[in-house]
Protein backbone atom coordinates (compact mmCIF):
# COMPACT_ATOMS: atom_id res chain seq x y z
CA UNK A 1 -17.69 -7.23 -18.73
CA UNK A 2 -21.46 -7.77 -18.39
CA UNK A 3 -22.98 -6.58 -15.59
CA UNK A 4 -22.82 -7.96 -12.37
CA UNK A 5 -24.93 -7.77 -9.04
CA UNK A 6 -23.44 -6.22 -6.47
CA UNK A 7 -24.26 -5.03 -2.84
CA UNK A 8 -22.16 -2.25 -1.19
CA UNK A 9 -21.97 -1.83 2.56
CA UNK A 10 -21.34 1.35 3.52
CA UNK A 11 -22.44 2.51 0.11
CA UNK A 12 -23.92 6.07 2.12
CA UNK A 13 -20.43 7.10 3.37
CA UNK A 14 -17.72 8.57 1.31
CA UNK A 15 -16.02 5.92 0.25
CA UNK A 16 -18.62 3.82 -0.62
CA UNK A 17 -21.16 6.42 -2.27
CA UNK A 18 -17.93 6.81 -4.98
CA UNK A 19 -17.49 2.97 -5.32
CA UNK A 20 -21.99 2.75 -5.84
CA UNK A 21 -21.77 5.84 -8.48
CA UNK A 22 -19.10 4.36 -10.60
CA UNK A 23 -20.94 1.25 -10.06
CA UNK A 24 -24.71 2.91 -11.44
CA UNK A 25 -22.63 4.68 -14.38
CA UNK A 26 -20.96 0.78 -15.74
CA UNK A 27 -24.09 -0.66 -15.27
CA UNK A 28 -24.02 -3.02 -12.65
CA UNK A 29 -27.41 -3.59 -10.70
CA UNK A 30 -26.19 -2.25 -6.79
CA UNK A 31 -27.93 -2.78 -4.41
CA UNK A 32 -27.06 -0.19 -0.70
CA UNK A 33 -26.84 -1.78 2.68
CA UNK A 34 -26.06 1.47 5.20
CA UNK A 35 -27.67 2.26 8.66
CA UNK A 36 -28.73 5.23 7.30
CA UNK A 37 -30.56 6.85 4.09
CA UNK A 38 -28.54 8.06 1.04
CA UNK A 39 -27.58 11.45 1.21
CA UNK A 40 -29.39 13.48 -0.53
CA UNK A 41 -26.55 14.71 -3.08
CA UNK A 42 -25.99 10.66 -3.90
CA UNK A 43 -28.85 11.21 -7.20
CA UNK A 44 -27.56 8.60 -9.21
CA UNK A 45 -27.70 6.13 -6.68
CA UNK A 46 -30.90 7.86 -4.98
CA UNK A 47 -32.47 7.53 -8.67
CA UNK A 48 -31.05 3.73 -9.56
CA UNK A 49 -29.94 1.68 -6.80
CA UNK A 50 -32.09 -0.71 -4.12
CA UNK A 51 -31.63 0.62 -1.03
CA UNK A 52 -31.92 -1.48 2.29
CA UNK A 53 -31.47 0.51 5.71
CA UNK A 54 -29.91 -1.89 8.65
CA UNK A 55 -27.14 -2.53 11.30
CA UNK A 56 -24.61 -4.56 9.83
CA UNK A 57 -24.77 -6.41 12.97
CA UNK A 58 -28.19 -7.73 12.44
CA UNK A 59 -27.97 -10.67 9.83
CA UNK A 60 -30.90 -11.00 9.49
CA UNK A 61 -31.24 -7.81 7.54
CA UNK A 62 -28.33 -7.79 6.13
CA UNK A 63 -29.50 -10.99 4.25
CA UNK A 64 -32.64 -9.66 2.64
CA UNK A 65 -29.41 -7.17 0.72
CA UNK A 66 -26.64 -9.99 0.00
CA UNK A 67 -29.38 -13.00 -1.47
CA UNK A 68 -28.98 -16.22 -4.00
CA UNK A 69 -27.89 -14.53 -6.85
CA UNK A 70 -25.34 -11.76 -5.88
CA UNK A 71 -22.17 -11.72 -7.79
CA UNK A 72 -19.67 -9.74 -5.72
CA UNK A 73 -20.01 -7.65 -2.06
CA UNK A 74 -18.33 -4.85 -1.18
CA UNK A 75 -17.86 -4.62 2.50
CA UNK A 76 -16.88 -0.75 3.16
CA UNK A 77 -19.12 -0.55 6.59
CA UNK A 78 -17.84 0.40 9.10
CA UNK A 79 -16.96 2.98 12.01
CA UNK A 80 -14.03 5.40 10.93
CA UNK A 81 -12.80 8.98 11.67
CA UNK A 82 -10.55 9.41 14.32
CA UNK A 83 -13.57 11.60 16.26
CA UNK A 84 -15.45 8.25 16.21
CA UNK A 85 -13.29 5.69 17.93
CA UNK A 86 -12.35 7.67 20.41
CA UNK A 87 -15.79 7.71 21.03
CA UNK A 88 -17.23 5.50 20.25
CA UNK A 89 -14.16 1.97 20.56
CA UNK A 90 -16.73 -0.52 21.48
CA UNK A 91 -19.20 0.46 18.20
CA UNK A 92 -15.60 -0.16 16.05
CA UNK A 93 -14.85 -3.19 17.55
CA UNK A 94 -18.71 -4.68 17.26
CA UNK A 95 -19.74 -3.52 14.02
CA UNK A 96 -15.69 -4.23 12.45
CA UNK A 97 -16.45 -7.71 13.77
CA UNK A 98 -19.86 -9.37 13.94
CA UNK A 99 -20.49 -7.44 10.94
CA UNK A 100 -17.95 -8.46 8.83
CA UNK A 101 -18.63 -12.36 9.90
CA UNK A 102 -22.39 -12.18 8.98
CA UNK A 103 -21.53 -10.34 5.74
CA UNK A 104 -18.14 -13.47 5.24
CA UNK A 105 -21.07 -15.62 6.39
CA UNK A 106 -23.73 -14.64 3.60
CA UNK A 107 -21.89 -14.29 0.81
CA UNK A 108 -20.63 -17.68 1.52
CA UNK A 109 -24.41 -19.07 1.35
CA UNK A 110 -25.39 -16.72 -2.03
CA UNK A 111 -21.81 -17.96 -3.75
CA UNK A 112 -20.74 -14.41 -3.95
CA UNK A 113 -17.49 -12.92 -3.79
CA UNK A 114 -15.93 -10.30 -1.14
CA UNK A 115 -14.34 -7.63 -1.76
CA UNK A 116 -13.12 -6.17 1.91
CA UNK A 117 -12.08 -2.29 2.58
CA UNK A 118 -9.56 -2.39 5.43
CA UNK A 119 -7.21 -0.07 6.15
CA UNK A 120 -3.28 1.08 6.00
CA UNK A 121 -4.31 1.71 9.72
CA UNK A 122 -3.56 -1.97 9.98
CA UNK A 123 0.52 -1.52 9.68
CA UNK A 124 0.35 0.48 13.03
CA UNK A 125 2.92 2.86 14.29
CA UNK A 126 5.73 -0.31 12.07
CA UNK A 127 8.70 2.47 11.36
CA UNK A 128 10.32 0.12 8.54
CA UNK A 129 8.55 2.13 5.25
CA UNK A 130 6.98 1.51 2.97
CA UNK A 131 5.11 -0.72 4.10
CA UNK A 132 4.02 -3.70 2.03
CA UNK A 133 1.24 -6.15 2.01
CA UNK A 134 2.94 -9.02 4.78
CA UNK A 135 4.19 -5.90 7.16
CA UNK A 136 5.04 -6.53 10.67
CA UNK A 137 2.26 -4.66 12.59
CA UNK A 138 3.12 -2.28 15.53
CA UNK A 139 0.82 -1.10 17.99
CA UNK A 140 0.56 0.48 21.53
CA UNK A 141 -0.58 -1.01 24.27
CA UNK A 142 -4.50 -2.27 24.24
CA UNK A 143 -5.98 0.24 27.27
CA UNK A 144 -5.54 3.10 24.49
CA UNK A 145 -8.45 3.81 22.78
CA UNK A 146 -6.65 4.90 19.60
CA UNK A 147 -5.60 1.54 18.80
CA UNK A 148 -9.67 -0.12 18.55
CA UNK A 149 -9.46 0.83 15.09
CA UNK A 150 -6.35 -0.81 13.88
CA UNK A 151 -6.84 -4.07 16.22
CA UNK A 152 -10.66 -4.69 14.78
CA UNK A 153 -9.37 -3.97 10.94
CA UNK A 154 -6.78 -6.32 11.24
CA UNK A 155 -9.40 -9.02 12.74
CA UNK A 156 -11.64 -7.67 9.98
CA UNK A 157 -8.99 -9.31 7.31
CA UNK A 158 -8.04 -12.39 9.78
CA UNK A 159 -11.63 -13.15 9.48
CA UNK A 160 -11.51 -12.69 5.43
CA UNK A 161 -8.43 -14.78 4.63
CA UNK A 162 -9.90 -17.52 7.42
CA UNK A 163 -13.43 -18.03 5.69
CA UNK A 164 -11.35 -17.99 2.30
CA UNK A 165 -9.23 -20.58 3.75
CA UNK A 166 -11.80 -23.03 5.01
CA UNK A 167 -14.65 -22.51 3.23
CA UNK A 168 -12.85 -21.43 -0.21
CA UNK A 169 -14.57 -18.79 -0.58
CA UNK A 170 -13.47 -15.53 -2.75
CA UNK A 171 -12.17 -13.30 -1.41
CA UNK A 172 -10.38 -9.79 -1.39
CA UNK A 173 -8.50 -7.42 0.57
CA UNK A 174 -8.00 -3.47 0.01
CA UNK A 175 -6.01 -1.12 2.25
CA UNK A 176 -7.08 2.31 1.56
CA UNK A 177 -3.88 5.29 2.71
CA UNK A 178 -5.56 8.24 3.81
CA UNK A 179 -8.33 8.54 0.81
CA UNK A 180 -9.69 11.58 0.39
CA UNK A 181 -11.85 13.71 -1.96
CA UNK A 182 -15.53 15.48 -2.97
CA UNK A 183 -18.01 14.43 -0.44
CA UNK A 184 -15.98 13.32 2.56
CA UNK A 185 -16.97 14.65 6.11
CA UNK A 186 -14.79 17.23 7.67
CA UNK A 187 -13.25 15.54 10.56
CA UNK A 188 -9.97 14.54 8.37
CA UNK A 189 -6.79 16.57 7.67
CA UNK A 190 -7.79 18.02 4.33
CA UNK A 191 -11.15 17.62 4.04
CA UNK A 192 -11.22 19.58 7.41
CA UNK A 193 -8.97 22.46 6.08
CA UNK A 194 -10.80 22.91 2.31
CA UNK A 195 -13.72 23.53 4.91
CA UNK A 196 -12.60 25.77 6.68
CA UNK A 197 -10.60 27.24 3.78
CA UNK A 198 -13.38 27.99 2.24
CA UNK A 199 -15.43 29.26 5.34
CA UNK A 200 -13.13 31.70 6.52
CA UNK A 201 -11.42 29.81 9.45
CA UNK A 202 -8.20 29.23 10.23
CA UNK A 203 -6.32 26.62 8.86
CA UNK A 204 -4.91 23.96 11.32
CA UNK A 205 -2.19 21.64 11.95
CA UNK A 206 -1.22 18.94 14.66
CA UNK A 207 1.86 18.63 15.99
CA UNK A 208 3.69 21.25 13.90
CA UNK A 209 2.32 19.34 10.70
CA UNK A 210 5.43 17.46 10.13
CA UNK A 211 3.97 14.10 9.72
CA UNK A 212 4.07 12.77 6.41
CA UNK A 213 1.17 11.41 4.60
CA UNK A 214 0.54 9.71 0.79
CA UNK A 215 -2.93 11.15 0.10
CA UNK A 216 -4.71 8.78 -2.48
CA UNK A 217 -7.77 10.38 -4.17
CA UNK A 218 -10.73 8.94 -4.46
CA UNK A 219 -11.67 7.87 -8.19
CA UNK A 220 -8.27 6.19 -7.78
CA UNK A 221 -9.21 3.86 -4.51
CA UNK A 222 -12.24 2.92 -6.33
CA UNK A 223 -10.59 2.60 -9.86
CA UNK A 224 -8.14 -0.11 -7.42
CA UNK A 225 -11.55 -1.62 -5.70
CA UNK A 226 -13.11 -2.61 -8.90
CA UNK A 227 -9.64 -4.17 -10.15
CA UNK A 228 -9.39 -5.92 -6.81
CA UNK A 229 -13.03 -7.38 -7.70
CA UNK A 230 -12.77 -8.39 -10.80
CA UNK A 231 -9.18 -9.23 -11.48
CA UNK A 232 -8.40 -13.28 -11.78
CA UNK A 233 -4.91 -13.14 -9.41
CA UNK A 234 -7.09 -11.39 -6.69
CA UNK A 235 -8.67 -14.19 -5.03
CA UNK A 236 -7.41 -14.70 -1.43
CA UNK A 237 -4.95 -11.62 -1.67
CA UNK A 238 -4.84 -8.42 -0.08
CA UNK A 239 -3.83 -4.83 -1.49
CA UNK A 240 -1.99 -1.84 -0.47
CA UNK A 241 -4.09 1.05 -2.70
CA UNK A 242 -2.21 4.43 -1.67
CA UNK A 243 -0.02 6.91 -3.43
CA UNK A 244 3.63 6.31 -2.49
CA UNK A 245 4.58 10.33 -3.29
CA UNK A 246 5.48 11.07 0.65
CA UNK A 247 3.69 14.53 1.88
CA UNK A 248 3.86 16.92 4.61
CA UNK A 249 0.83 17.50 6.23
CA UNK A 250 1.95 21.01 6.52
CA UNK A 251 2.86 20.82 2.87
CA UNK A 252 -0.25 20.05 2.20
CA UNK A 253 -2.17 22.88 4.07
CA UNK A 254 0.07 25.45 2.51
CA UNK A 255 -1.57 23.54 -1.26
CA UNK A 256 -5.41 24.05 -0.26
CA UNK A 257 -4.76 27.90 0.47
CA UNK A 258 -2.89 28.46 -2.44
CA UNK A 259 -5.32 26.42 -4.39
CA UNK A 260 -8.32 27.74 -2.32
CA UNK A 261 -7.06 31.36 -2.82
CA UNK A 262 -7.26 31.91 0.91
CA UNK A 263 -5.61 34.10 2.98
CA UNK A 264 -6.64 31.89 6.30
CA UNK A 265 -4.14 32.44 9.24
CA UNK A 266 -2.84 28.12 10.52
CA UNK A 267 -3.02 27.29 13.73
CA UNK A 268 -1.12 24.33 15.83
CA UNK A 269 -2.39 21.60 17.48
CA UNK A 270 -0.84 19.63 20.20
CA UNK A 271 -2.47 16.05 20.15
CA UNK A 272 -1.43 15.64 23.02
CA UNK A 273 -2.66 18.68 25.13
CA UNK A 274 -6.60 18.36 22.81
CA UNK A 275 -7.42 14.55 23.21
CA UNK A 276 -4.56 13.27 25.90
CA UNK A 277 -3.07 10.49 25.50
CA UNK A 278 -5.91 8.08 23.96
CA UNK A 279 -4.25 9.05 20.39
CA UNK A 280 -1.51 8.34 19.50
CA UNK A 281 -0.18 10.59 15.73
CA UNK A 282 2.15 8.64 13.68
CA UNK A 283 4.97 10.44 11.80
CA UNK A 284 5.51 9.14 8.52
CA UNK A 285 2.24 6.17 6.76
CA UNK A 286 4.01 5.29 3.42
CA UNK A 287 2.82 1.98 0.77
CA UNK A 288 4.69 -0.18 -1.19
CA UNK A 289 2.12 -0.02 -3.99
CA UNK A 290 3.97 -2.66 -6.07
CA UNK A 291 1.86 -5.68 -6.08
CA UNK A 292 -1.73 -4.15 -6.79
CA UNK A 293 0.48 -2.18 -9.87
CA UNK A 294 1.68 -5.65 -10.73
CA UNK A 295 -1.37 -7.71 -10.30
CA UNK A 296 -3.85 -5.66 -10.69
CA UNK A 297 -2.23 -3.13 -13.58
CA UNK A 298 -3.95 -0.33 -10.94
CA UNK A 299 -1.45 2.87 -10.88
CA UNK A 300 -2.01 5.45 -8.41
CA UNK A 301 -3.01 8.11 -11.33
CA UNK A 302 -3.77 12.00 -10.12
CA UNK A 303 -1.70 13.73 -8.20
CA UNK A 304 -2.49 15.30 -4.43
CA UNK A 305 -2.37 19.11 -6.27
CA UNK A 306 -4.98 17.84 -9.61
CA UNK A 307 -7.15 15.80 -6.77
CA UNK A 308 -6.93 18.75 -3.84
CA UNK A 309 -8.19 21.38 -7.21
CA UNK A 310 -10.90 19.11 -7.44
CA UNK A 311 -12.09 18.29 -4.25
CA UNK A 312 -11.94 22.44 -4.11
CA UNK A 313 -13.87 23.14 -7.01
CA UNK A 314 -16.85 20.50 -6.32
CA UNK A 315 -17.02 21.94 -2.28
CA UNK A 316 -18.17 25.41 -3.62
CA UNK A 317 -20.14 24.11 -5.73
CA UNK A 318 -21.94 22.41 -2.81
CA UNK A 319 -23.11 24.50 -0.11
CA UNK A 320 -24.72 21.80 2.23
CA UNK A 321 -21.15 20.53 2.51
CA UNK A 322 -19.30 23.80 3.36
CA UNK A 323 -22.24 24.01 5.86
CA UNK A 324 -21.54 20.73 8.12
CA UNK A 325 -19.90 21.49 11.54
CA UNK A 326 -16.49 20.85 11.25
CA UNK A 327 -16.11 17.59 13.10
CA UNK A 328 -12.55 17.32 13.55
CA UNK A 329 -11.18 15.59 17.18
CA UNK A 330 -9.32 18.48 17.82
């Protein structure tokens, strides 16, 4: 495959950073557009990627990145994390909607394909798992900030499908399911507990740790994203990119304790008491990834044990990450 000219919005973030590194490694010409600078640890990107700093809602600034000759835009820019969408619900909506519309309009002008990053959150609390790509969305009331991220991401999906149908733009949507791995902000259940374990702090479970998730190593998510961009059958489609191995949060935390060799105590947080009615956790979140397998040839090949071992080894080698504040919502 010949080298492509790629733009990655949100390329300074967790998944975006891994994607940028992979694109550079395979020889693509990469432009990173993000509201913040590339962090120090993204050395490959800092050395080889073109960087444009700006707000995704600023169409003129974004137009400096998405120019004629761009082959593909990977749109990952968004406000993510429970702590963020409870604290910044308006930004969650505005950045997702306005930013995505800007990306799609500029990509259409440039003749570029667009891969839009979405999330398992779009399915809300639909109890009929596993979720296929066309599963129903079941959400709580609009007065609860918990659902702003789900609704905003769903709206970006509507925009993406609409641009494809009305303007002939080649678009693909990828939905990530509980991605984790090296460099993730310590605000999520796995990254936060790896961070706490290696800092000698008590590990944290939420609501007794009985809820289940399908944790997906970031390297697998990146491979699926690249296949979605390159695959001939991906245009106009959405794909669930997630492991189908269901694991309780409690078991995942026990695995972190085992792999890190720590004897830290574990404390349980009642999210309703700690956060209030603004947050409603989900008991199960499971994708059906058969479509990604059949159409893209994608498999989630990294076990939770192997992925966590890699993450812990990376964390030990990066003291700057261990020095970050614990940014969990509870």
